[in-house]
Protein backbone atom coordinates (compact mmCIF):
# COMPACT_ATOMS: atom_id res chain seq x y z
CA MET A 1 68.64 128.62 93.30
CA ARG A 2 69.48 125.53 95.29
CA PHE A 3 73.05 124.73 96.16
CA ALA A 4 75.02 121.78 97.63
CA PHE A 5 77.98 122.84 99.69
CA TYR A 6 81.31 120.97 99.59
CA GLY A 7 84.20 121.46 101.94
CA ARG A 8 87.08 119.57 103.45
CA VAL A 9 89.39 119.61 106.46
CA SER A 10 92.25 117.20 107.29
CA THR A 11 94.78 116.60 110.05
CA GLU A 12 97.45 118.30 108.03
CA ASP A 13 95.41 121.47 108.20
CA GLN A 14 95.60 121.36 112.02
CA GLN A 15 92.19 122.92 112.47
CA ASP A 16 89.07 122.01 114.48
CA PRO A 17 86.60 120.36 111.93
CA GLN A 18 83.63 122.22 113.28
CA ALA A 19 85.37 125.60 113.15
CA SER A 20 86.73 124.90 109.66
CA LYS A 21 83.36 123.82 108.39
CA ALA A 22 81.73 126.91 109.92
CA TRP A 23 84.01 129.41 108.18
CA GLN A 24 83.92 127.57 104.82
CA LEU A 25 80.09 127.57 104.98
CA SER A 26 80.15 131.25 105.88
CA ARG A 27 82.26 132.11 102.75
CA ALA A 28 79.91 130.04 100.58
CA ARG A 29 76.83 131.71 101.85
CA SER A 30 78.32 135.13 101.46
CA LEU A 31 78.82 134.31 97.72
CA ILE A 32 75.35 132.85 96.92
CA GLU A 33 72.90 134.63 99.32
CA PRO A 34 73.00 137.87 97.55
CA THR A 35 71.78 136.16 94.41
CA GLY A 36 68.97 134.40 96.31
CA GLY A 37 70.84 131.12 96.58
CA GLU A 38 70.20 128.59 99.41
CA ILE A 39 72.22 125.67 100.61
CA VAL A 40 69.98 122.72 100.73
CA THR A 41 72.51 119.87 101.34
CA GLN A 42 76.16 119.59 102.66
CA PHE A 43 79.05 117.39 101.86
CA PHE A 44 82.09 117.76 104.15
CA ASP A 45 85.11 115.48 104.27
CA VAL A 46 86.95 115.28 107.58
CA GLY A 47 90.42 113.73 108.02
CA LEU A 48 91.25 113.22 104.46
CA SER A 49 94.26 114.66 102.70
CA ARG A 50 93.76 117.19 99.88
CA SER A 51 96.01 115.07 97.68
CA LEU A 52 93.36 112.29 97.56
CA PRO A 53 91.27 112.58 94.25
CA TRP A 54 87.60 113.10 94.65
CA LYS A 55 86.66 109.47 93.94
CA ARG A 56 88.70 108.47 97.06
CA ARG A 57 87.04 111.01 99.44
CA SER A 58 83.87 109.56 100.84
CA GLU A 59 81.83 112.78 100.86
CA ALA A 60 83.20 114.06 97.48
CA LEU A 61 82.38 110.66 96.00
CA ARG A 62 78.86 110.94 97.46
CA LEU A 63 78.54 114.38 95.84
CA LEU A 64 79.67 113.09 92.43
CA ASP A 65 77.01 110.30 92.69
CA ALA A 66 74.44 112.85 93.57
CA ILE A 67 75.35 115.00 90.60
CA LYS A 68 74.86 111.99 88.28
CA SER A 69 71.44 111.32 89.77
CA ALA A 70 68.40 112.69 87.90
CA GLY A 71 66.57 113.06 91.29
CA ARG A 72 69.21 115.48 92.85
CA ASP A 73 67.73 118.25 94.91
CA PHE A 74 70.24 121.01 93.96
CA ASP A 75 71.14 123.01 90.82
CA ALA A 76 74.74 123.95 91.55
CA VAL A 77 77.67 123.28 93.95
CA VAL A 78 79.36 125.93 96.02
CA ILE A 79 82.74 125.62 97.84
CA GLY A 80 84.17 127.95 100.47
CA GLU A 81 87.87 127.69 99.53
CA PRO A 82 89.27 126.16 96.28
CA GLN A 83 92.67 125.11 97.87
CA ARG A 84 90.70 122.72 100.14
CA ALA A 85 88.59 121.19 97.29
CA PHE A 86 91.08 120.98 94.55
CA TYR A 87 94.79 119.84 94.60
CA GLY A 88 97.13 119.95 91.73
CA SER A 89 95.31 119.11 88.56
CA GLN A 90 92.11 117.73 90.27
CA PHE A 91 89.91 120.55 89.02
CA GLY A 92 90.68 119.73 85.32
CA MET A 93 89.69 116.04 85.98
CA THR A 94 86.56 116.82 88.07
CA PHE A 95 84.87 119.93 86.51
CA PRO A 96 84.03 118.18 83.22
CA VAL A 97 81.58 115.91 85.27
CA PHE A 98 79.78 119.05 86.47
CA VAL A 99 79.60 120.41 82.87
CA HIS A 100 78.40 117.11 81.50
CA TYR A 101 75.45 116.84 83.96
CA GLY A 102 74.64 120.57 83.75
CA VAL A 103 75.57 121.38 87.38
CA GLY A 104 77.25 124.76 88.08
CA LEU A 105 80.32 125.27 90.33
CA TRP A 106 80.49 128.47 92.37
CA VAL A 107 83.79 129.58 93.84
CA PRO A 108 84.37 132.83 95.86
CA GLU A 109 87.71 133.52 94.08
CA VAL A 110 85.88 134.05 90.63
CA GLY A 111 83.06 135.83 92.21
CA GLY A 112 80.31 133.35 91.22
CA ALA A 113 79.89 130.44 88.83
CA ILE A 114 82.79 129.10 86.79
CA ASP A 115 82.37 129.61 83.09
CA PRO A 116 83.34 126.37 81.26
CA GLY A 117 84.47 128.47 78.23
CA SER A 118 86.51 130.98 80.17
CA ASP A 119 90.29 130.50 79.86
CA ALA A 120 90.68 133.07 82.66
CA HIS A 121 88.55 130.92 85.07
CA ASP A 122 90.55 127.75 84.11
CA LEU A 123 93.75 129.65 84.80
CA VAL A 124 92.57 130.90 88.21
CA MET A 125 91.48 127.34 89.27
CA ALA A 126 94.70 125.80 88.01
CA LEU A 127 96.60 128.53 90.08
CA TYR A 128 94.67 127.62 93.19
CA GLY A 129 95.31 123.85 92.53
CA GLY A 130 99.04 124.59 92.28
CA MET A 131 98.94 126.77 95.46
CA SER A 132 97.20 123.89 97.32
CA LYS A 133 99.88 121.47 96.27
CA GLY A 134 102.59 123.86 97.22
CA GLU A 135 101.06 124.69 100.61
CA ARG A 136 100.96 120.89 101.34
CA ASN A 137 104.61 120.50 100.34
CA ARG A 138 105.65 123.52 102.52
CA ILE A 139 103.85 121.97 105.46
CA LYS A 140 105.73 118.74 105.02
CA ILE A 141 109.03 120.41 104.77
CA ARG A 142 108.43 122.55 107.85
CA VAL A 143 107.30 119.54 109.92
CA ARG A 144 110.17 117.34 108.82
CA SER A 145 112.69 120.07 109.43
CA ALA A 146 111.31 120.72 112.89
CA MET A 147 111.26 116.97 113.74
CA LYS A 148 114.90 116.66 112.58
CA ALA A 149 116.08 119.60 114.73
CA GLN A 150 114.12 118.36 117.75
CA THR A 151 115.66 115.02 117.46
CA GLU A 152 119.22 116.05 116.59
CA LEU A 153 119.61 119.01 118.99
CA GLU A 154 117.07 118.37 121.78
CA GLY A 155 116.72 114.59 121.76
CA ARG A 156 113.07 115.11 122.23
CA PHE A 157 110.70 112.06 122.19
CA LEU A 158 108.41 112.69 119.13
CA GLY A 159 105.50 110.40 120.07
CA GLY A 160 104.42 106.84 119.68
CA ARG A 161 104.67 103.87 122.12
CA PRO A 162 107.76 103.46 124.33
CA PRO A 163 109.99 100.57 123.07
CA TYR A 164 109.85 97.37 125.10
CA GLY A 165 112.18 97.98 128.02
CA TYR A 166 111.17 101.56 128.47
CA ARG A 167 108.31 103.46 130.09
CA PHE A 168 107.22 107.14 129.90
CA ALA A 169 108.56 109.73 132.45
CA ASP A 170 107.60 113.38 132.76
CA ALA A 171 110.10 115.69 131.13
CA GLY A 172 108.58 119.01 132.15
CA PRO A 173 106.12 121.56 130.59
CA HIS A 174 105.78 121.80 126.82
CA PRO A 175 108.03 124.53 125.37
CA ASN A 176 105.11 125.85 123.25
CA PRO A 177 103.31 128.38 125.43
CA ALA A 178 99.93 127.66 123.94
CA LYS A 179 100.22 123.92 124.57
CA ALA A 180 101.75 124.44 127.94
CA ALA A 181 98.74 126.57 128.79
CA GLN A 182 96.50 123.52 127.82
CA GLY A 183 98.40 121.44 130.36
CA LYS A 184 100.41 119.38 127.80
CA ARG A 185 103.83 118.25 128.96
CA LEU A 186 106.82 116.60 127.34
CA GLN A 187 107.62 112.90 127.90
CA ARG A 188 110.99 111.08 127.89
CA LEU A 189 111.96 107.42 128.08
CA ASP A 190 112.96 105.83 131.23
CA PRO A 191 114.09 102.20 131.72
CA ASP A 192 111.39 99.90 133.00
CA PRO A 193 112.88 97.97 135.99
CA VAL A 194 111.02 94.82 134.94
CA THR A 195 111.66 94.69 131.16
CA ALA A 196 114.96 96.56 130.85
CA PRO A 197 117.05 93.63 132.17
CA VAL A 198 115.35 91.44 129.47
CA VAL A 199 116.55 93.75 126.66
CA GLU A 200 120.08 93.58 128.05
CA ARG A 201 119.85 89.86 128.24
CA ILE A 202 118.73 89.62 124.62
CA PHE A 203 121.54 91.72 123.31
CA THR A 204 124.25 89.98 125.45
CA GLU A 205 123.10 86.40 124.44
CA TYR A 206 122.91 87.32 120.86
CA VAL A 207 126.35 88.85 120.70
CA ALA A 208 127.62 85.74 122.54
CA GLY A 209 126.54 83.59 119.71
CA ARG A 210 122.97 82.43 120.51
CA GLY A 211 120.39 82.62 117.68
CA MET A 212 117.23 84.66 117.85
CA THR A 213 115.04 81.63 117.86
CA SER A 214 116.92 80.14 120.75
CA ILE A 215 116.75 83.39 122.61
CA ALA A 216 113.05 83.51 122.16
CA ARG A 217 112.59 79.95 123.29
CA GLY A 218 114.72 80.58 126.42
CA LEU A 219 112.67 83.59 127.44
CA THR A 220 109.43 81.71 127.01
CA GLN A 221 110.70 78.78 129.00
CA ASP A 222 111.78 81.11 131.79
CA GLY A 223 108.30 82.44 132.04
CA ILE A 224 109.05 86.00 130.84
CA PRO A 225 106.02 87.59 129.21
CA CYS A 226 106.49 88.65 125.61
CA PRO A 227 106.07 92.36 124.80
CA SER A 228 102.33 92.07 123.89
CA ALA A 229 101.57 89.92 127.02
CA TYR A 230 103.35 92.27 129.37
CA ASP A 231 101.37 95.26 128.08
CA ARG A 232 98.08 93.66 127.43
CA ALA A 233 96.06 96.97 127.88
CA ARG A 234 97.62 98.41 124.73
CA ASN A 235 97.57 95.02 122.93
CA PRO A 236 94.05 93.71 123.28
CA HIS A 237 94.04 92.54 119.66
CA ARG A 238 96.96 90.15 120.34
CA SER A 239 96.71 86.89 122.30
CA ASN A 240 100.25 85.74 121.97
CA GLU A 241 101.88 84.40 125.16
CA VAL A 242 105.18 83.16 123.78
CA TRP A 243 108.13 85.03 122.43
CA GLU A 244 108.55 85.18 118.66
CA THR A 245 111.74 85.55 116.65
CA SER A 246 110.37 88.64 115.01
CA ALA A 247 110.13 90.30 118.49
CA ILE A 248 113.74 89.41 119.23
CA ARG A 249 114.86 90.88 115.92
CA ALA A 250 112.92 94.13 116.30
CA ILE A 251 114.56 94.74 119.76
CA LEU A 252 118.08 93.96 118.31
CA LEU A 253 117.54 96.44 115.54
CA ASN A 254 116.27 99.35 117.69
CA PRO A 255 119.08 101.90 118.27
CA ARG A 256 117.12 103.75 121.07
CA TYR A 257 118.33 101.32 123.73
CA THR A 258 121.71 103.13 123.46
CA GLY A 259 120.11 106.27 125.14
CA HIS A 260 120.01 108.25 121.81
CA GLN A 261 116.84 109.36 120.24
CA VAL A 262 116.67 108.27 116.67
CA TRP A 263 114.27 109.52 113.94
CA ASN A 264 113.80 109.10 110.16
CA LYS A 265 114.23 105.26 110.20
CA GLN A 266 111.25 105.11 107.84
CA ARG A 267 109.82 107.27 105.19
CA THR A 268 106.48 107.54 103.38
CA ASP A 269 106.58 107.40 99.60
CA GLU A 270 103.55 108.31 97.44
CA VAL A 271 103.13 105.75 94.75
CA LEU A 272 100.62 105.78 91.88
CA LEU A 273 97.62 103.46 92.49
CA ASP A 274 97.48 102.65 88.82
CA VAL A 275 100.14 103.92 86.32
CA GLU A 276 97.47 103.47 83.53
CA ASP A 277 94.99 105.87 85.36
CA ILE A 278 96.86 108.67 87.19
CA ALA A 279 93.46 110.23 88.04
CA LEU A 280 93.14 107.59 90.90
CA GLY A 281 95.96 109.38 92.61
CA HIS A 282 98.60 108.02 94.93
CA GLU A 283 98.78 105.72 97.98
CA ASN A 284 101.25 105.93 100.80
CA ARG A 285 103.97 103.21 101.12
CA HIS A 286 106.10 102.99 104.23
CA ARG A 287 109.71 102.05 103.51
CA TRP A 288 112.91 101.70 105.49
CA ASN A 289 115.55 104.23 105.12
CA ASP A 290 119.25 103.39 104.84
CA PRO A 291 120.80 103.56 108.40
CA SER A 292 123.12 106.31 107.09
CA ASP A 293 119.99 108.51 106.69
CA TRP A 294 118.74 107.96 110.29
CA ILE A 295 118.78 111.18 112.48
CA TRP A 296 120.59 110.48 115.81
CA SER A 297 120.49 112.92 118.81
CA LYS A 298 123.96 114.44 119.34
CA THR A 299 123.79 113.47 122.98
CA GLN A 300 122.06 110.88 124.95
CA ALA A 301 118.44 111.82 125.37
CA HIS A 302 117.50 109.19 128.04
CA LYS A 303 119.17 106.62 130.19
CA PRO A 304 120.66 103.79 128.09
CA ILE A 305 119.98 100.12 128.66
CA ILE A 306 122.96 98.88 126.58
CA THR A 307 126.20 100.45 125.48
CA THR A 308 126.68 101.72 121.93
CA ASP A 309 129.51 99.22 121.48
CA LEU A 310 127.22 96.36 122.28
CA TYR A 311 124.54 97.63 119.94
CA GLU A 312 127.05 98.01 117.05
CA ARG A 313 128.44 94.44 117.72
CA ALA A 314 124.87 93.11 117.51
CA GLN A 315 124.26 94.96 114.17
CA GLN A 316 127.44 93.44 112.79
CA LYS A 317 126.51 90.07 113.75
CA ILE A 318 123.02 90.38 112.19
CA LYS A 319 124.72 91.54 108.87
CA THR A 320 127.15 88.64 108.95
CA ARG A 321 124.46 86.06 109.50
CA GLY A 322 122.24 87.72 106.92
CA ALA A 323 125.03 87.29 104.39
CA LEU A 324 126.07 83.71 105.29
CA GLY A 325 122.88 82.07 106.28
CA GLU A 326 119.40 82.36 107.68
CA ILE A 327 119.01 85.69 109.65
CA GLY A 328 118.56 85.02 113.32
CA ARG A 329 120.09 81.68 113.28
CA ALA A 330 123.66 80.38 112.84
CA PRO A 331 124.18 79.20 109.17
CA ARG A 332 124.29 75.48 108.75
CA ARG A 333 125.38 73.61 105.79
CA SER A 334 124.60 69.92 105.68
CA VAL A 335 126.66 67.55 103.51
CA ARG A 336 124.31 64.66 104.04
CA PRO A 337 122.26 63.81 101.03
CA TYR A 338 118.69 63.62 102.49
CA LEU A 339 116.47 61.98 99.98
CA PHE A 340 113.27 63.66 101.04
CA ARG A 341 114.39 67.06 102.11
CA GLY A 342 111.45 69.39 102.28
CA LEU A 343 109.02 66.69 100.94
CA ILE A 344 107.66 65.39 104.25
CA THR A 345 105.04 67.26 106.30
CA CYS A 346 104.01 66.54 109.91
CA GLY A 347 100.31 65.48 109.89
CA ILE A 348 99.72 67.05 113.32
CA CYS A 349 101.08 70.57 112.93
CA GLY A 350 101.45 70.91 109.14
CA ARG A 351 105.18 71.93 109.27
CA ASN A 352 107.95 70.36 107.19
CA MET A 353 109.83 67.64 108.98
CA VAL A 354 113.51 68.39 108.89
CA GLY A 355 116.48 66.01 108.47
CA ASN A 356 118.38 65.00 111.54
CA PRO A 357 121.20 62.41 111.89
CA ASN A 358 121.00 60.14 114.89
CA HIS A 359 123.21 57.05 115.67
CA ASP A 360 124.57 57.09 112.04
CA LYS A 361 121.09 56.92 110.66
CA LEU A 362 119.13 59.70 108.85
CA TYR A 363 115.78 60.66 110.36
CA TYR A 364 113.17 63.31 109.61
CA ARG A 365 112.13 65.05 112.83
CA CYS A 366 109.39 67.39 113.93
CA LYS A 367 109.94 69.15 117.25
CA ALA A 368 107.18 71.00 119.26
CA SER A 369 107.88 72.85 122.33
CA ARG A 370 105.37 73.06 125.16
CA ASP A 371 104.81 76.69 124.38
CA TYR A 372 104.12 75.88 120.71
CA VAL A 373 101.68 73.11 121.64
CA ARG A 374 99.84 75.40 124.13
CA GLN A 375 99.70 78.33 121.79
CA HIS A 376 98.33 76.30 118.83
CA GLN A 377 96.25 73.90 120.99
CA ILE A 378 97.30 70.74 119.39
CA GLU A 379 98.41 67.30 120.79
CA HIS A 380 101.96 66.82 119.58
CA PRO A 381 104.79 64.81 121.10
CA PRO A 382 107.93 66.76 122.00
CA VAL A 383 109.91 65.12 119.23
CA LEU A 384 108.66 62.97 116.35
CA TYR A 385 111.10 60.85 114.23
CA LEU A 386 110.74 59.08 110.94
CA ARG A 387 113.72 56.99 109.74
CA GLU A 388 114.74 57.50 106.11
CA ASP A 389 115.98 54.06 105.17
CA ILE A 390 112.75 52.47 106.38
CA ILE A 391 110.55 54.53 104.09
CA THR A 392 112.72 54.59 101.00
CA GLU A 393 111.89 51.01 99.87
CA PRO A 394 108.03 51.51 100.20
CA ILE A 395 108.34 54.90 98.41
CA ASP A 396 110.30 53.36 95.58
CA ARG A 397 107.78 50.54 95.26
CA PHE A 398 105.02 53.13 95.23
CA LEU A 399 106.59 55.16 92.46
CA GLN A 400 107.44 51.98 90.44
CA GLN A 401 103.83 50.84 90.72
CA GLU A 402 102.29 54.26 89.94
CA LEU A 403 104.73 55.31 87.22
CA GLN A 404 104.70 52.08 85.11
CA GLY A 405 102.69 50.47 82.34
CA ASP A 406 98.99 50.15 82.64
CA THR A 407 98.51 52.08 85.89
CA LEU A 408 100.28 55.20 84.61
CA THR A 409 98.69 54.91 81.20
CA THR A 410 95.32 54.77 82.66
CA ASN A 411 95.95 57.72 84.97
CA LEU A 412 97.47 59.89 82.28
CA ARG A 413 94.61 59.05 79.76
CA ALA A 414 91.93 59.85 82.39
CA MET A 415 93.64 63.13 83.27
CA ALA A 416 94.28 64.08 79.60
CA ASP A 417 90.53 63.47 78.81
CA ALA A 418 89.49 65.68 81.78
CA GLN A 419 91.94 68.37 80.87
CA TYR A 420 90.76 68.33 77.27
CA ARG A 421 87.09 68.66 78.31
CA ALA A 422 87.92 71.56 80.58
CA ASP A 423 89.97 73.31 77.94
CA LEU A 424 87.32 72.90 75.39
CA ALA A 425 84.78 74.49 77.61
CA ALA A 426 86.94 77.35 78.66
CA HIS A 427 88.71 78.43 75.44
CA SER A 428 88.00 81.79 73.93
CA ALA A 429 89.41 84.15 71.21
CA ASP A 430 93.14 84.96 71.47
CA ASP A 431 95.52 86.34 68.81
CA GLU A 432 98.34 84.09 70.00
CA ALA A 433 96.58 80.84 69.44
CA ASP A 434 98.87 79.74 66.56
CA ASN A 435 102.05 80.56 68.42
CA LEU A 436 100.74 78.70 71.52
CA ALA A 437 99.84 75.68 69.38
CA ARG A 438 103.33 75.65 67.91
CA THR A 439 104.87 75.87 71.36
CA ILE A 440 102.97 72.83 72.47
CA GLU A 441 103.98 70.87 69.32
CA ASP A 442 107.61 71.82 69.87
CA CYS A 443 107.40 70.61 73.51
CA ASP A 444 105.90 67.31 72.41
CA ALA A 445 108.59 66.89 69.82
CA LYS A 446 111.28 67.66 72.46
CA ILE A 447 109.79 64.98 74.78
CA GLU A 448 110.04 62.45 71.98
CA ARG A 449 113.70 63.42 71.34
CA TYR A 450 114.47 63.15 74.96
CA ARG A 451 113.00 59.66 75.12
CA ALA A 452 115.12 58.59 72.17
CA ALA A 453 118.29 60.03 73.88
CA LEU A 454 117.33 58.03 76.90
CA ASP A 455 117.01 54.85 74.98
CA ALA A 456 120.37 55.60 73.37
CA GLY A 457 122.00 55.56 76.85
CA GLY A 458 121.97 59.17 77.87
CA ASP A 459 122.22 60.43 81.45
CA PRO A 460 118.85 59.62 82.93
CA VAL A 461 118.96 62.38 85.66
CA LEU A 462 119.87 65.11 83.12
CA ILE A 463 117.15 63.88 80.73
CA ALA A 464 114.62 63.87 83.63
CA GLY A 465 115.35 67.49 84.20
CA TRP A 466 114.82 68.26 80.49
CA ILE A 467 111.54 66.42 80.45
CA THR A 468 110.34 68.29 83.60
CA GLU A 469 111.34 71.76 82.18
CA THR A 470 109.78 71.07 78.82
CA SER A 471 106.60 69.79 80.47
CA ALA A 472 106.36 73.00 82.61
CA ILE A 473 106.73 75.11 79.33
CA ARG A 474 104.02 72.97 77.75
CA ALA A 475 101.72 73.40 80.67
CA ALA A 476 102.14 77.15 80.64
CA ALA A 477 101.42 77.30 76.94
CA ALA A 478 98.33 75.00 77.35
CA THR A 479 97.04 77.17 80.19
CA THR A 480 97.22 80.38 78.00
CA ALA A 481 95.78 78.49 75.04
CA ARG A 482 92.55 78.01 76.87
CA LEU A 483 91.80 81.53 75.99
CA SER A 484 92.59 81.07 72.33
CA THR A 485 90.25 80.30 69.45
CA ALA A 486 92.35 77.33 68.47
CA PRO A 487 90.83 74.01 69.70
CA PRO A 488 92.59 72.63 72.74
CA GLN A 489 95.39 70.02 72.21
CA ARG A 490 94.66 66.52 73.37
CA LEU A 491 97.39 64.30 74.64
CA THR A 492 97.70 61.48 72.06
CA ASP A 493 98.03 57.80 72.91
CA ASP A 494 101.65 57.91 71.43
CA GLN A 495 102.57 60.76 73.68
CA ILE A 496 101.10 59.02 76.77
CA THR A 497 103.15 55.88 75.78
CA ALA A 498 106.25 57.94 75.39
CA ILE A 499 105.87 59.40 78.84
CA VAL A 500 105.20 56.03 80.43
CA ASP A 501 108.20 54.46 78.71
CA SER A 502 110.59 57.21 79.60
CA LEU A 503 109.45 57.31 83.31
CA GLY A 504 109.57 53.51 83.56
CA GLY A 505 113.08 53.37 82.21
CA LEU A 506 114.23 56.13 84.57
CA LEU A 507 113.02 54.40 87.60
CA LYS A 508 114.79 51.21 86.77
CA ILE A 509 118.03 52.98 86.48
CA LEU A 510 117.58 55.14 89.50
CA ARG A 511 117.06 52.16 91.76
CA LYS A 512 120.84 52.19 92.09
CA ALA A 513 121.41 55.91 91.49
CA ASP A 514 123.53 58.28 93.57
CA PRO A 515 121.48 59.51 96.58
CA ARG A 516 121.78 63.12 95.47
CA ASP A 517 120.52 62.31 91.97
CA LYS A 518 117.66 60.31 93.51
CA ALA A 519 116.69 63.21 95.86
CA GLU A 520 116.49 65.52 92.84
CA LEU A 521 114.28 63.15 90.90
CA TYR A 522 111.87 62.82 93.93
CA SER A 523 111.58 66.55 94.05
CA ARG A 524 111.14 66.99 90.28
CA LEU A 525 108.52 64.32 90.13
CA GLY A 526 106.40 66.30 92.60
CA LEU A 527 106.49 63.73 95.39
CA ARG A 528 104.93 64.92 98.58
CA MET A 529 104.37 63.03 101.78
CA THR A 530 102.44 63.44 105.02
CA TYR A 531 103.21 61.48 108.09
CA GLN A 532 100.43 60.64 110.54
CA PRO A 533 102.01 59.36 113.76
CA GLY A 534 98.78 58.03 115.26
CA PRO A 535 98.09 55.29 112.68
CA GLU A 536 101.84 55.38 111.81
CA THR A 537 101.04 55.98 108.18
CA LEU A 538 102.93 57.80 105.53
CA LYS A 539 100.59 59.30 102.85
CA ALA A 540 102.42 59.83 99.57
CA GLU A 541 101.23 61.55 96.49
CA ILE A 542 102.64 62.93 93.23
CA VAL A 543 101.71 66.62 92.53
CA SER A 544 102.31 67.59 88.95
CA ASP A 545 102.32 71.25 87.75
CA ASP A 546 100.71 69.97 84.57
CA PHE A 547 97.64 68.25 85.95
CA GLY A 548 97.34 69.11 89.64
CA ARG A 549 97.20 66.07 91.95
CA VAL A 550 98.10 63.13 89.84
CA LEU A 551 98.36 60.13 92.25
CA ASN A 552 97.40 59.52 95.89
CA VAL A 553 98.27 56.49 97.85
CA CYS A 554 99.16 55.54 101.42
CA PRO A 555 101.89 52.89 101.78
CA ARG A 556 101.40 50.94 104.92
CA GLY A 557 102.85 47.83 106.61
CA ASP A 558 106.61 48.15 106.76
CA LEU A 559 106.39 51.70 108.21
CA ASN A 560 104.59 50.86 111.43
CA PRO A 561 107.32 49.21 113.48
CA HIS A 562 109.88 51.93 112.58
CA ALA A 563 107.95 55.17 113.17
CA LEU A 564 109.49 56.39 116.38
CA TYR A 565 108.59 58.93 119.06
CA GLY A 566 111.49 60.89 120.59
CA HIS A 567 111.59 61.21 124.37
């Protein structure tokens, strides 16, 4: 009888893969050879946890594919130890595949082939699956308990890279005699004379009130290599040369600079891959523990770079800034009503231009440090300015032109026709078709009522918000309706006229509106702009959630004399 062998070994078993495979094969052969059996092919998973289901183990999956193949060269499968092959309820979810394809499964613990009709065999395999799960849990508990004690009582360094600011130093022979005999030694952290002062500087400047971004910029300007650049041998995958805010934050949050060893900052949770199919098993998710659950060494385990008081002051400052404003930067609250906040993009670097007052005028500014320019290999002036009052009138003329009468009617009709053709081609069966159609009709009716309210003298800004919200609901319903059996809804001429009339009336009123109301309208209309400093051109477009890009035009002329470079 021809057999396929399956075995498994993982890091949690702490065994040599070759030795483990040898004794598992030996047990398997001892079971089948007295009956004339012969192993003709082998499947052996290395480095994979027993908790992974068979479909997520490479060799086990290959075995399942071979079982399903009509051209397989074996009649049965033999395993050396059931605890290594099956974990928890895996046997019950895997063995039916063997039975279906007429492939036997031989296990030493039952003395031969498993009988699909035997309750005793099922009970034995379920028992070993439970033992496998229990053994894994006991290993985890023992390891975590040992690491907790080693951290808390001994302050032992438990592995990994030394934090920036430290380097490894010899801490004597390993306390485990077997490991000591192999020449293994303990390591401890020792301040790096080059980088330790940088860590101290970061904490001192941050507690003094400097933001993380400002600290990072200062370090780069002073020519201090960032962590990955300083230790390039262990960071060949990173080409960064400048300090990032994230690196400053990671240093500020690391408690080991106080001289204490800290463990259990993170935990590994096992989360179901698919709650609808538990047979797929779990995946590991790393999550931060609450600081109250961290394990600190009772005494200092290595030489500190900063005092515990300085570390705690930095943590308090991080919490305060996190509650009041952007983490890593002092909170700012502008009372100036920038009309185009978040709507203008720099055409060189792609970042948003930010509002900046200068000589009682409002500007939009894009700054690029030498480090940023060098890192991203772009040609960018140090500071680029665009004055708000100069672009406001051209933008209003652009909106007036594009959102009025014949132009808007033509655009909306073309887009409505294109949308209708796309919907007609894509629609398919859906039980909610009637509800979606009613939703669309309700939205159309609301838009009509809002237009009537506007004609009656209602608040134009408030009504604009209503129209925008209702249009978004209609767009969502229209998108879902593409999958329904109901024919797609086409925007009628009356509806197009209603939109044109309402928008045209709004713009006339908002020419003299409060700046804050005007800023809100620009945002809700989907106005987006890109400033190109070379030709000194501002490219404006209206992006609608309903139809995608609606309009696209580049106002020119008046902008050119007023687009300024900062020096």
